[in-house]
C-alpha atoms as a PDB file:
ATOM      1  CA  MET A   1     -24.800   6.927  -3.990  1.00  0.00           C
ATOM      2  CA  ALA A   2     -26.745   9.554  -2.067  1.00  0.00           C
ATOM      3  CA  PHE A   3     -25.262  11.421   0.872  1.00  0.00           C
ATOM      4  CA  SER A   4     -27.072  12.858   3.849  1.00  0.00           C
ATOM      5  CA  ALA A   5     -25.421  15.477   6.027  1.00  0.00           C
ATOM      6  CA  ASP A   6     -24.533  12.645   8.424  1.00  0.00           C
ATOM      7  CA  ASP A   7     -22.937  10.606   5.624  1.00  0.00           C
ATOM      8  CA  LEU A   8     -20.891  13.591   4.489  1.00  0.00           C
ATOM      9  CA  ALA A   9     -19.734  14.196   8.071  1.00  0.00           C
ATOM     10  CA  GLN A  10     -18.408  10.618   8.210  1.00  0.00           C
ATOM     11  CA  VAL A  11     -16.310  10.680   5.032  1.00  0.00           C
ATOM     12  CA  ARG A  12     -12.717   9.833   5.977  1.00  0.00           C
ATOM     13  CA  PHE A  13      -9.403   8.684   4.516  1.00  0.00           C
ATOM     14  CA  ALA A  14      -7.372   5.630   5.473  1.00  0.00           C
ATOM     15  CA  VAL A  15      -4.072   4.156   4.319  1.00  0.00           C
ATOM     16  CA  SER A  16      -4.541   0.382   4.226  1.00  0.00           C
ATOM     17  CA  PRO A  17      -1.811  -2.261   3.732  1.00  0.00           C
ATOM     18  CA  MET A  18      -4.364  -4.891   2.698  1.00  0.00           C
ATOM     19  CA  TRP A  19      -5.713  -2.680  -0.069  1.00  0.00           C
ATOM     20  CA  GLU A  20      -2.201  -2.940  -1.573  1.00  0.00           C
ATOM     21  CA  VAL A  21      -1.870  -6.725  -1.204  1.00  0.00           C
ATOM     22  CA  ALA A  22      -4.499  -7.900  -3.704  1.00  0.00           C
ATOM     23  CA  PRO A  23      -3.744  -5.559  -6.643  1.00  0.00           C
ATOM     24  CA  SER A  24       0.024  -5.873  -6.181  1.00  0.00           C
ATOM     25  CA  PHE A  25      -0.167  -9.679  -6.058  1.00  0.00           C
ATOM     26  CA  ARG A  26      -2.301  -9.675  -9.210  1.00  0.00           C
ATOM     27  CA  LEU A  27       0.258  -7.481 -10.973  1.00  0.00           C
ATOM     28  CA  LEU A  28       3.236  -9.488  -9.732  1.00  0.00           C
ATOM     29  CA  THR A  29       1.862 -12.852 -10.849  1.00  0.00           C
ATOM     30  CA  SER A  30       0.679 -11.687 -14.271  1.00  0.00           C
ATOM     31  CA  ASP A  31       2.709 -11.442 -17.456  1.00  0.00           C
ATOM     32  CA  THR A  32       1.509  -7.906 -18.086  1.00  0.00           C
ATOM     33  CA  ALA A  33       4.233  -5.303 -18.415  1.00  0.00           C
ATOM     34  CA  HIS A  34       3.668  -2.216 -16.305  1.00  0.00           C
ATOM     35  CA  PRO A  35       5.348   1.074 -17.205  1.00  0.00           C
ATOM     36  CA  VAL A  36       5.376   2.394 -13.625  1.00  0.00           C
ATOM     37  CA  HIS A  37       5.879  -0.647 -11.415  1.00  0.00           C
ATOM     38  CA  ARG A  38       8.434  -2.509 -13.550  1.00  0.00           C
ATOM     39  CA  PRO A  39      11.408  -1.776 -11.196  1.00  0.00           C
ATOM     40  CA  TRP A  40       9.445  -3.161  -8.250  1.00  0.00           C
ATOM     41  CA  ILE A  41       8.288  -6.214 -10.211  1.00  0.00           C
ATOM     42  CA  GLU A  42      11.848  -7.070 -11.272  1.00  0.00           C
ATOM     43  CA  GLN A  43      13.009  -7.019  -7.641  1.00  0.00           C
ATOM     44  CA  ALA A  44      10.022  -8.579  -5.858  1.00  0.00           C
ATOM     45  CA  ARG A  45       8.835 -11.233  -8.335  1.00  0.00           C
ATOM     46  CA  PRO A  46      11.861 -13.584  -7.942  1.00  0.00           C
ATOM     47  CA  ARG A  47      11.401 -13.634  -4.154  1.00  0.00           C
ATOM     48  CA  VAL A  48       7.666 -14.306  -4.405  1.00  0.00           C
ATOM     49  CA  LEU A  49       8.113 -17.099  -6.961  1.00  0.00           C
ATOM     50  CA  ALA A  50      10.941 -18.678  -4.963  1.00  0.00           C
ATOM     51  CA  ALA A  51       8.595 -18.854  -1.974  1.00  0.00           C
ATOM     52  CA  GLY A  52       5.977 -20.640  -4.089  1.00  0.00           C
ATOM     53  CA  LEU A  53       3.327 -17.985  -3.446  1.00  0.00           C
ATOM     54  CA  ASP A  54       2.167 -18.156  -7.054  1.00  0.00           C
ATOM     55  CA  ARG A  55       0.791 -21.629  -6.206  1.00  0.00           C
ATOM     56  CA  GLY A  56      -0.726 -20.926  -2.804  1.00  0.00           C
ATOM     57  CA  TRP A  57      -3.803 -19.485  -1.129  1.00  0.00           C
ATOM     58  CA  LEU A  58      -3.480 -16.012  -2.633  1.00  0.00           C
ATOM     59  CA  ALA A  59      -3.152 -17.437  -6.133  1.00  0.00           C
ATOM     60  CA  GLU A  60      -6.578 -19.100  -5.747  1.00  0.00           C
ATOM     61  CA  LEU A  61      -8.158 -16.030  -4.151  1.00  0.00           C
ATOM     62  CA  ILE A  62      -6.780 -13.401  -6.526  1.00  0.00           C
ATOM     63  CA  GLY A  63      -7.239 -14.236 -10.171  1.00  0.00           C
ATOM     64  CA  PRO A  64      -5.780 -12.340 -13.118  1.00  0.00           C
ATOM     65  CA  SER A  65      -8.891 -10.136 -13.202  1.00  0.00           C
ATOM     66  CA  GLY A  66     -12.309  -9.723 -11.684  1.00  0.00           C
ATOM     67  CA  TYR A  67     -13.667 -10.035  -8.173  1.00  0.00           C
ATOM     68  CA  VAL A  68     -11.469 -10.249  -5.080  1.00  0.00           C
ATOM     69  CA  PRO A  69     -13.225 -11.499  -1.898  1.00  0.00           C
ATOM     70  CA  ASP A  70     -14.260  -8.558   0.235  1.00  0.00           C
ATOM     71  CA  PHE A  71     -13.018 -10.072   3.496  1.00  0.00           C
ATOM     72  CA  LEU A  72      -9.442  -9.571   2.230  1.00  0.00           C
ATOM     73  CA  THR A  73      -9.916  -5.800   2.472  1.00  0.00           C
ATOM     74  CA  PRO A  74     -11.657  -5.123   5.792  1.00  0.00           C
ATOM     75  CA  ALA A  75     -12.595  -1.539   6.537  1.00  0.00           C
ATOM     76  CA  PRO A  76      -9.593   0.072   8.291  1.00  0.00           C
ATOM     77  CA  GLY A  77     -10.446   0.932  11.869  1.00  0.00           C
ATOM     78  CA  GLY A  78      -8.233   4.026  11.886  1.00  0.00           C
ATOM     79  CA  PRO A  79      -6.334   6.335   9.549  1.00  0.00           C
ATOM     80  CA  ALA A  80      -3.364   3.998   9.103  1.00  0.00           C
ATOM     81  CA  PRO A  81      -3.659   0.499  10.618  1.00  0.00           C
ATOM     82  CA  GLY A  82      -0.595  -1.718  10.486  1.00  0.00           C
ATOM     83  CA  PRO A  83      -0.481  -4.939   8.464  1.00  0.00           C
ATOM     84  CA  ALA A  84      -0.639  -7.085  11.609  1.00  0.00           C
ATOM     85  CA  ALA A  85      -3.841  -5.355  12.739  1.00  0.00           C
ATOM     86  CA  GLU A  86      -5.492  -5.904   9.373  1.00  0.00           C
ATOM     87  CA  ARG A  87      -4.443  -9.561   9.302  1.00  0.00           C
ATOM     88  CA  ALA A  88      -6.019  -9.960  12.731  1.00  0.00           C
ATOM     89  CA  THR A  89      -9.262  -8.510  11.363  1.00  0.00           C
ATOM     90  CA  ILE A  90      -9.190 -11.008   8.488  1.00  0.00           C
ATOM     91  CA  LEU A  91      -8.533 -13.835  10.940  1.00  0.00           C
ATOM     92  CA  ALA A  92     -11.638 -12.792  12.900  1.00  0.00           C
ATOM     93  CA  THR A  93     -13.932 -12.705   9.841  1.00  0.00           C
ATOM     94  CA  PRO A  94     -17.266 -14.419  10.622  1.00  0.00           C
ATOM     95  CA  PRO A  95     -17.544 -17.783   8.815  1.00  0.00           C
ATOM     96  CA  ASP A  96     -20.800 -16.786   7.092  1.00  0.00           C
ATOM     97  CA  ARG A  97     -19.134 -13.802   5.497  1.00  0.00           C
ATOM     98  CA  VAL A  98     -16.193 -15.905   4.277  1.00  0.00           C
ATOM     99  CA  ARG A  99     -18.598 -18.388   2.689  1.00  0.00           C
ATOM    100  CA  ARG A 100     -20.680 -15.627   1.102  1.00  0.00           C
ATOM    101  CA  ASP A 101     -17.603 -14.039  -0.484  1.00  0.00           C
ATOM    102  CA  LEU A 102     -16.279 -17.395  -1.685  1.00  0.00           C
ATOM    103  CA  ASP A 103     -19.645 -18.247  -3.234  1.00  0.00           C
ATOM    104  CA  HIS A 104     -19.518 -14.925  -5.060  1.00  0.00           C
ATOM    105  CA  LEU A 105     -15.984 -15.710  -6.233  1.00  0.00           C
ATOM    106  CA  ALA A 106     -17.110 -19.153  -7.447  1.00  0.00           C
ATOM    107  CA  ARG A 107     -19.815 -17.509  -9.566  1.00  0.00           C
ATOM    108  CA  HIS A 108     -17.138 -15.310 -11.178  1.00  0.00           C
ATOM    109  CA  GLN A 109     -14.516 -18.039 -11.664  1.00  0.00           C
ATOM    110  CA  GLY A 110     -16.810 -20.991 -12.278  1.00  0.00           C
ATOM    111  CA  HIS A 111     -15.310 -23.061  -9.430  1.00  0.00           C
ATOM    112  CA  LEU A 112     -13.211 -22.958  -6.271  1.00  0.00           C
ATOM    113  CA  GLY A 113      -9.751 -24.500  -6.057  1.00  0.00           C
ATOM    114  CA  PRO A 114      -8.902 -27.129  -3.423  1.00  0.00           C
ATOM    115  CA  ARG A 115      -7.620 -24.634  -0.856  1.00  0.00           C
ATOM    116  CA  LEU A 116     -10.662 -22.392  -1.152  1.00  0.00           C
ATOM    117  CA  THR A 117     -12.975 -25.389  -1.002  1.00  0.00           C
ATOM    118  CA  SER A 118     -11.403 -26.328   2.330  1.00  0.00           C
ATOM    119  CA  LEU A 119     -11.567 -22.693   3.464  1.00  0.00           C
ATOM    120  CA  ARG A 120     -15.273 -22.587   2.702  1.00  0.00           C
ATOM    121  CA  ALA A 121     -15.844 -25.804   4.617  1.00  0.00           C
ATOM    122  CA  ALA A 122     -13.940 -24.684   7.719  1.00  0.00           C
ATOM    123  CA  PRO A 123     -13.188 -20.925   7.713  1.00  0.00           C
ATOM    124  CA  ALA A 124     -12.141 -20.735  11.347  1.00  0.00           C
ATOM    125  CA  ALA A 125      -9.592 -23.523  10.899  1.00  0.00           C
ATOM    126  CA  ARG A 126      -8.172 -22.330   7.571  1.00  0.00           C
ATOM    127  CA  LEU A 127      -8.019 -18.548   7.917  1.00  0.00           C
ATOM    128  CA  SER A 128      -4.825 -18.806   9.965  1.00  0.00           C
ATOM    129  CA  ARG A 129      -3.101 -20.534   7.021  1.00  0.00           C
ATOM    130  CA  LEU A 130      -4.234 -17.755   4.718  1.00  0.00           C
ATOM    131  CA  THR A 131      -3.096 -14.950   7.026  1.00  0.00           C
ATOM    132  CA  GLN A 132       0.297 -16.639   7.416  1.00  0.00           C
ATOM    133  CA  GLU A 133       0.720 -16.600   3.656  1.00  0.00           C
ATOM    134  CA  ILE A 134      -0.386 -12.960   3.508  1.00  0.00           C
ATOM    135  CA  GLU A 135       2.290 -12.136   6.093  1.00  0.00           C
ATOM    136  CA  THR A 136       4.919 -13.946   4.012  1.00  0.00           C
ATOM    137  CA  TYR A 137       3.873 -12.074   0.882  1.00  0.00           C
ATOM    138  CA  TRP A 138       3.917  -8.774   2.742  1.00  0.00           C
ATOM    139  CA  GLU A 139       7.442  -9.332   4.048  1.00  0.00           C
ATOM    140  CA  LEU A 140       8.798 -10.395   0.646  1.00  0.00           C
ATOM    141  CA  ALA A 141       7.021  -8.005  -1.704  1.00  0.00           C
ATOM    142  CA  LEU A 142       5.737  -4.934   0.117  1.00  0.00           C
ATOM    143  CA  ALA A 143       7.321  -4.403   3.526  1.00  0.00           C
ATOM    144  CA  PRO A 144      10.787  -3.481   2.169  1.00  0.00           C
ATOM    145  CA  TYR A 145       9.157  -0.785   0.028  1.00  0.00           C
ATOM    146  CA  TRP A 146       6.460   0.356   2.438  1.00  0.00           C
ATOM    147  CA  GLY A 147       8.350   3.455   3.572  1.00  0.00           C
ATOM    148  CA  ARG A 148       8.443   4.791   0.026  1.00  0.00           C
ATOM    149  CA  ILE A 149       4.868   3.713  -0.746  1.00  0.00           C
ATOM    150  CA  ARG A 150       3.534   5.114   2.531  1.00  0.00           C
ATOM    151  CA  ALA A 151       5.166   8.487   1.860  1.00  0.00           C
ATOM    152  CA  VAL A 152       3.282   8.748  -1.455  1.00  0.00           C
ATOM    153  CA  LEU A 153      -0.032   7.683   0.117  1.00  0.00           C
ATOM    154  CA  ASP A 154       0.346  10.108   3.028  1.00  0.00           C
ATOM    155  CA  ALA A 155       1.157  12.933   0.616  1.00  0.00           C
ATOM    156  CA  ASP A 156      -2.027  12.131  -1.317  1.00  0.00           C
ATOM    157  CA  VAL A 157      -4.158  12.253   1.837  1.00  0.00           C
ATOM    158  CA  PHE A 158      -2.559  15.565   2.838  1.00  0.00           C
ATOM    159  CA  HIS A 159      -3.342  17.041  -0.587  1.00  0.00           C
ATOM    160  CA  ARG A 160      -6.948  15.816  -0.532  1.00  0.00           C
ATOM    161  CA  ALA A 161      -7.502  17.068   3.008  1.00  0.00           C
ATOM    162  CA  ARG A 162      -6.220  20.485   1.993  1.00  0.00           C
ATOM    163  CA  THR A 163      -8.617  20.455  -0.970  1.00  0.00           C
ATOM    164  CA  VAL A 164     -11.532  19.859   1.416  1.00  0.00           C
ATOM    165  CA  ALA A 165     -10.336  22.626   3.730  1.00  0.00           C
ATOM    166  CA  GLU A 166      -9.956  25.159   0.921  1.00  0.00           C
ATOM    167  CA  HIS A 167     -12.716  24.185  -1.524  1.00  0.00           C
ATOM    168  CA  GLY A 168     -15.091  21.741   0.154  1.00  0.00           C
ATOM    169  CA  ALA A 169     -16.024  18.088  -0.294  1.00  0.00           C
ATOM    170  CA  GLY A 170     -17.573  18.642  -3.724  1.00  0.00           C
ATOM    171  CA  ARG A 171     -14.209  19.638  -5.199  1.00  0.00           C
ATOM    172  CA  LEU A 172     -12.597  16.637  -3.489  1.00  0.00           C
ATOM    173  CA  PHE A 173     -14.944  14.174  -5.172  1.00  0.00           C
ATOM    174  CA  ASN A 174     -14.839  15.831  -8.583  1.00  0.00           C
ATOM    175  CA  ASP A 175     -11.021  15.837  -8.570  1.00  0.00           C
ATOM    176  CA  LEU A 176     -10.615  12.319  -7.188  1.00  0.00           C
ATOM    177  CA  HIS A 177     -10.952  10.385 -10.449  1.00  0.00           C
ATOM    178  CA  SER A 178     -12.279  10.958 -13.947  1.00  0.00           C
ATOM    179  CA  SER A 179     -14.933   8.245 -13.546  1.00  0.00           C
ATOM    180  CA  ILE A 180     -16.729   9.808 -10.558  1.00  0.00           C
ATOM    181  CA  SER A 181     -18.613  13.050 -10.110  1.00  0.00           C
ATOM    182  CA  TRP A 182     -20.441  14.872  -7.349  1.00  0.00           C
ATOM    183  CA  ASP A 183     -23.719  16.713  -7.841  1.00  0.00           C
ATOM    184  CA  ALA A 184     -26.821  17.352  -5.761  1.00  0.00           C
ATOM    185  CA  ASN A 185     -25.569  15.386  -2.743  1.00  0.00           C
ATOM    186  CA  THR A 186     -24.980  12.316  -4.909  1.00  0.00           C
ATOM    187  CA  LEU A 187     -21.745  10.585  -5.873  1.00  0.00           C
ATOM    188  CA  SER A 188     -21.973   9.020  -9.336  1.00  0.00           C
ATOM    189  CA  LEU A 189     -19.587   6.323 -10.556  1.00  0.00           C
ATOM    190  CA  VAL A 190     -19.403   5.822 -14.312  1.00  0.00           C
ATOM    191  CA  ARG A 191     -19.558   2.223 -15.575  1.00  0.00           C
ATOM    192  CA  ARG A 192     -20.202   0.673 -12.164  1.00  0.00           C
ATOM    193  CA  LYS A 193     -22.410  -2.333 -12.855  1.00  0.00           C
ATOM    194  CA  GLN A 194     -24.565  -2.116  -9.725  1.00  0.00           C
ATOM    195  CA  LEU A 195     -26.199   0.723  -7.829  1.00  0.00           C
ATOM    196  CA  ILE A 196     -25.156   1.473  -4.262  1.00  0.00           C
ATOM    197  CA  PRO A 197     -28.426   2.151  -2.405  1.00  0.00           C
ATOM    198  CA  ARG A 198     -27.825   3.996   0.840  1.00  0.00           C
ATOM    199  CA  PRO A 199     -30.179   1.883   2.988  1.00  0.00           C
ATOM    200  CA  ARG A 200     -27.952  -1.148   2.301  1.00  0.00           C
ATOM    201  CA  THR A 201     -24.642   0.486   3.265  1.00  0.00           C
ATOM    202  CA  GLY A 202     -22.936   1.730   6.377  1.00  0.00           C
ATOM    203  CA  ALA A 203     -22.858   5.473   6.976  1.00  0.00           C
ATOM    204  CA  GLY A 204     -20.254   7.735   5.386  1.00  0.00           C
ATOM    205  CA  LEU A 205     -17.572   6.771   2.893  1.00  0.00           C
ATOM    206  CA  LEU A 206     -14.039   5.454   3.327  1.00  0.00           C
ATOM    207  CA  LEU A 207     -11.524   6.771   0.772  1.00  0.00           C
ATOM    208  CA  VAL A 208      -8.406   4.641   0.359  1.00  0.00           C
ATOM    209  CA  PRO A 209      -5.480   5.916  -1.752  1.00  0.00           C
ATOM    210  CA  SER A 210      -3.568   3.059  -3.362  1.00  0.00           C
ATOM    211  CA  ALA A 211      -0.261   2.607  -5.139  1.00  0.00           C
ATOM    212  CA  PHE A 212      -1.336  -0.510  -7.059  1.00  0.00           C
ATOM    213  CA  THR A 213      -5.050   0.035  -7.663  1.00  0.00           C
ATOM    214  CA  GLY A 214      -5.512   1.611 -11.037  1.00  0.00           C
ATOM    215  CA  PRO A 215      -6.000   3.067 -13.449  1.00  0.00           C
ATOM    216  CA  GLY A 216      -9.622   2.498 -12.434  1.00  0.00           C
ATOM    217  CA  LEU A 217     -11.370   2.509  -9.079  1.00  0.00           C
ATOM    218  CA  ARG A 218     -12.314  -0.327  -6.765  1.00  0.00           C
ATOM    219  CA  THR A 219     -15.453  -0.154  -4.681  1.00  0.00           C
ATOM    220  CA  GLN A 220     -16.579  -2.365  -1.824  1.00  0.00           C
ATOM    221  CA  VAL A 221     -19.909  -2.409  -0.034  1.00  0.00           C
ATOM    222  CA  SER A 222     -19.998  -4.720   2.979  1.00  0.00           C
ATOM    223  CA  PRO A 223     -22.531  -3.559   5.600  1.00  0.00           C
ATOM    224  CA  PRO A 224     -22.360  -2.577   8.392  1.00  0.00           C
ATOM    225  CA  ASP A 225     -18.998  -1.094   7.323  1.00  0.00           C
ATOM    226  CA  PRO A 226     -19.050   2.148   5.355  1.00  0.00           C
ATOM    227  CA  PRO A 227     -18.617   1.811   1.589  1.00  0.00           C
ATOM    228  CA  GLN A 228     -14.958   1.782   0.574  1.00  0.00           C
ATOM    229  CA  LEU A 229     -13.551   3.438  -2.524  1.00  0.00           C
ATOM    230  CA  ALA A 230      -9.930   2.735  -3.444  1.00  0.00           C
ATOM    231  CA  TYR A 231      -8.425   5.116  -5.974  1.00  0.00           C
ATOM    232  CA  PRO A 232      -4.973   5.631  -7.565  1.00  0.00           C
ATOM    233  CA  ALA A 233      -2.940   7.966  -5.383  1.00  0.00           C
ATOM    234  CA  ARG A 234      -1.275  11.056  -6.796  1.00  0.00           C
ATOM    235  CA  GLY A 235       2.454  10.753  -7.479  1.00  0.00           C
ATOM    236  CA  ILE A 236       2.493   7.048  -8.379  1.00  0.00           C
ATOM    237  CA  GLY A 237       4.310   7.842 -11.609  1.00  0.00           C
ATOM    238  CA  THR A 238       7.393   8.906  -9.639  1.00  0.00           C
ATOM    239  CA  LEU A 239       7.210   6.149  -7.006  1.00  0.00           C
ATOM    240  CA  TRP A 240      10.179   4.107  -8.229  1.00  0.00           C
ATOM    241  CA  GLU A 241      12.286   6.897  -9.706  1.00  0.00           C
ATOM    242  CA  THR A 242      15.837   7.115  -8.416  1.00  0.00           C
ATOM    243  CA  ARG A 243      16.090  10.375  -6.540  1.00  0.00           C
ATOM    244  CA  THR A 244      19.330  12.237  -6.114  1.00  0.00           C
ATOM    245  CA  ALA A 245      19.841  12.766  -2.405  1.00  0.00           C
ATOM    246  CA  ILE A 246      21.094  16.327  -2.768  1.00  0.00           C
ATOM    247  CA  GLY A 247      20.536  17.108   0.885  1.00  0.00           C
ATOM    248  CA  THR A 248      22.751  14.363   2.252  1.00  0.00           C
ATOM    249  CA  PRO A 249      25.794  16.575   2.999  1.00  0.00           C
ATOM    250  CA  ALA A 250      23.655  18.579   5.407  1.00  0.00           C
ATOM    251  CA  LEU A 251      22.270  15.409   6.965  1.00  0.00           C
ATOM    252  CA  ALA A 252      25.791  14.036   7.403  1.00  0.00           C
ATOM    253  CA  THR A 253      26.552  16.758   9.949  1.00  0.00           C
ATOM    254  CA  VAL A 254      23.704  15.403  12.079  1.00  0.00           C
ATOM    255  CA  LEU A 255      23.640  11.652  11.398  1.00  0.00           C
ATOM    256  CA  GLY A 256      27.282  11.120  10.461  1.00  0.00           C
ATOM    257  CA  ARG A 257      28.731  10.388   7.039  1.00  0.00           C
ATOM    258  CA  SER A 258      28.392   6.585   7.131  1.00  0.00           C
ATOM    259  CA  ARG A 259      24.771   6.526   8.273  1.00  0.00           C
ATOM    260  CA  THR A 260      23.797   9.202   5.769  1.00  0.00           C
ATOM    261  CA  LEU A 261      25.559   7.270   3.024  1.00  0.00           C
ATOM    262  CA  LEU A 262      23.636   4.120   3.916  1.00  0.00           C
ATOM    263  CA  LEU A 263      20.322   5.984   3.868  1.00  0.00           C
ATOM    264  CA  ALA A 264      21.135   7.369   0.436  1.00  0.00           C
ATOM    265  CA  GLU A 265      22.015   3.879  -0.842  1.00  0.00           C
ATOM    266  CA  LEU A 266      18.727   2.446   0.409  1.00  0.00           C
ATOM    267  CA  ALA A 267      16.702   3.876  -2.468  1.00  0.00           C
ATOM    268  CA  GLY A 268      15.801   0.196  -2.884  1.00  0.00           C
ATOM    269  CA  PRO A 269      15.981  -2.636  -0.321  1.00  0.00           C
ATOM    270  CA  ALA A 270      19.458  -4.099   0.132  1.00  0.00           C
ATOM    271  CA  SER A 271      21.320  -6.584   2.323  1.00  0.00           C
ATOM    272  CA  THR A 272      24.268  -5.825   4.597  1.00  0.00           C
ATOM    273  CA  THR A 273      26.662  -7.531   2.162  1.00  0.00           C
ATOM    274  CA  GLU A 274      25.385  -5.524  -0.792  1.00  0.00           C
ATOM    275  CA  LEU A 275      25.575  -2.254   1.122  1.00  0.00           C
ATOM    276  CA  ALA A 276      29.137  -3.011   2.192  1.00  0.00           C
ATOM    277  CA  ARG A 277      30.114  -3.684  -1.411  1.00  0.00           C
ATOM    278  CA  ARG A 278      28.491  -0.508  -2.700  1.00  0.00           C
ATOM    279  CA  THR A 279      29.714   1.860   0.020  1.00  0.00           C
ATOM    280  CA  GLY A 280      33.165   0.475   0.786  1.00  0.00           C
ATOM    281  CA  LEU A 281      32.273   0.216   4.487  1.00  0.00           C
ATOM    282  CA  SER A 282      33.103  -2.978   6.348  1.00  0.00           C
ATOM    283  CA  PRO A 283      30.201  -5.438   6.865  1.00  0.00           C
ATOM    284  CA  ALA A 284      30.555  -4.969  10.627  1.00  0.00           C
ATOM    285  CA  GLY A 285      30.403  -1.199  10.243  1.00  0.00           C
ATOM    286  CA  VAL A 286      27.356  -1.442   8.004  1.00  0.00           C
ATOM    287  CA  SER A 287      25.613  -3.703  10.495  1.00  0.00           C
ATOM    288  CA  GLN A 288      26.388  -1.390  13.418  1.00  0.00           C
ATOM    289  CA  ASN A 289      25.140   1.715  11.598  1.00  0.00           C
ATOM    290  CA  LEU A 290      22.015  -0.029  10.344  1.00  0.00           C
ATOM    291  CA  THR A 291      21.203  -1.032  13.910  1.00  0.00           C
ATOM    292  CA  ALA A 292      21.485   2.597  14.996  1.00  0.00           C
ATOM    293  CA  LEU A 293      19.302   3.752  12.099  1.00  0.00           C
ATOM    294  CA  ARG A 294      16.769   1.060  12.879  1.00  0.00           C
ATOM    295  CA  ASP A 295      16.635   2.077  16.541  1.00  0.00           C
ATOM    296  CA  ALA A 296      15.973   5.648  15.380  1.00  0.00           C
ATOM    297  CA  GLY A 297      13.058   4.529  13.208  1.00  0.00           C
ATOM    298  CA  LEU A 298      14.772   5.392   9.914  1.00  0.00           C
ATOM    299  CA  VAL A 299      15.432   1.843   8.672  1.00  0.00           C
ATOM    300  CA  SER A 300      13.372  -1.358   8.781  1.00  0.00           C
ATOM    301  CA  ALA A 301      14.566  -4.964   8.373  1.00  0.00           C
ATOM    302  CA  HIS A 302      12.723  -7.691   6.465  1.00  0.00           C
ATOM    303  CA  ARG A 303      13.653 -11.354   6.086  1.00  0.00           C
ATOM    304  CA  ALA A 304      13.701 -12.684   2.516  1.00  0.00           C
ATOM    305  CA  GLY A 305      14.731 -16.333   2.558  1.00  0.00           C
ATOM    306  CA  ARG A 306      18.217 -16.552   4.029  1.00  0.00           C
ATOM    307  CA  SER A 307      18.855 -12.832   3.637  1.00  0.00           C
ATOM    308  CA  VAL A 308      17.680  -9.779   5.549  1.00  0.00           C
ATOM    309  CA  LEU A 309      16.759  -6.772   3.444  1.00  0.00           C
ATOM    310  CA  TYR A 310      16.995  -3.283   4.891  1.00  0.00           C
ATOM    311  CA  ALA A 311      14.812  -0.443   3.677  1.00  0.00           C
ATOM    312  CA  ARG A 312      14.149   3.204   4.423  1.00  0.00           C
ATOM    313  CA  THR A 313      11.044   3.921   6.493  1.00  0.00           C
ATOM    314  CA  ALA A 314       8.475   6.618   5.743  1.00  0.00           C
ATOM    315  CA  ALA A 315      10.223   8.783   8.356  1.00  0.00           C
ATOM    316  CA  ALA A 316      13.520   8.448   6.471  1.00  0.00           C
ATOM    317  CA  GLU A 317      11.844   9.322   3.166  1.00  0.00           C
ATOM    318  CA  THR A 318      10.369  12.439   4.753  1.00  0.00           C
ATOM    319  CA  LEU A 319      13.730  13.366   6.272  1.00  0.00           C
ATOM    320  CA  LEU A 320      15.561  13.039   2.964  1.00  0.00           C
ATOM    321  CA  ASP A 321      12.872  14.980   1.115  1.00  0.00           C
ATOM    322  CA  ALA A 322      13.032  17.770   3.690  1.00  0.00           C
ATOM    323  CA  ALA A 323      16.826  17.921   3.501  1.00  0.00           C
ATOM    324  CA  SER A 324      16.708  18.054  -0.304  1.00  0.00           C
ATOM    325  CA  LEU A 325      14.098  20.819  -0.239  1.00  0.00           C
ATOM    326  CA  THR A 326      16.102  22.850   2.276  1.00  0.00           C
ATOM    327  CA  CYS A 327      19.240  22.429   0.205  1.00  0.00           C
ATOM    328  CA  SER A 328      17.465  23.505  -2.997  1.00  0.00           C
ATOM    329  CA  THR A 329      15.998  26.559  -1.278  1.00  0.00           C
ATOM    330  CA  SER A 330      19.414  27.550   0.068  1.00  0.00           C
ATOM    331  CA  ARG A 331      20.967  27.260  -3.368  1.00  0.00           C
ATOM    332  CA  ARG A 332      18.336  29.522  -4.896  1.00  0.00           C
ATOM    333  CA  LYS A 333      18.908  32.139  -2.205  1.00  0.00           C
ATOM    334  CA  ASP A 334      22.669  32.019  -2.766  1.00  0.00           C
ATOM    335  CA  ARG A 335      22.394  32.687  -6.495  1.00  0.00           C
ATOM    336  CA  PRO A 336      23.434  36.210  -7.491  1.00  0.00           C
ATOM    337  CA  GLU A 337      20.685  38.460  -8.826  1.00  0.00           C
END
């Protein structure tokens, strides 16, 4: 894919919730073991299966391998659109584009299931059903973990942006993934089946770090949008590791012991009852402190069936990381020479 000076000037990054939906759903509904995402699968899969999502719209759209309709991953309009904004973009997809993507999917799969057949016949009437199911999947499988995932994706973008600032765009592309290379104003993708001629694409390039895309790349060319390239973000290998919150004593002087304890316990999503059992706090006390943390933007709440799961936000992850780093630095300074 050739780049003019104008194309290079319009290269940008975006963190996209919908770019996580398709690959994560594919992983969650497959029988393939995954060495990195196994802790997430063990927690999220029972909720997704209980909701019957393995037999719904997404199950027909996202097969075990191969093509995923492009309208499911619209080009993000900004650096970090929310899931609701991206669902609204899907809902507004022109009918002709929906039909074109579904025809392409039918060529890959050999047929369309009953839901997709009805979607092709009446996109405007059926897209709302699809976006409702996407919202349900998001709340059950991704929203409770989004703070942790978002922290990894943001860290990747920060690292890549610093690479551009210090070494230029050529180094960025050559370091992005082993299957791509940059030379003579051209980005080459190894093993991509089709060329990407510039006259048929939008200007620039949209780079999307992903927690669930990988180990390969995913490309999407849907004019007039810029080409999109989703790549595995740095740090995915540590995404689900249990981290020791060594900075929590310092945080406790600011947030209070109970609220800091709850943040530390929310390494994974948990209900009020579970948090009360694990911390020894009363359910009423847990609820009151979670409300305060939620009002401060450090905790989010997500309904899963009859339960409500609480999770740390990206702001909380950053706060805990900063406290841990400060604590580690202080300990090194205090060591005798």
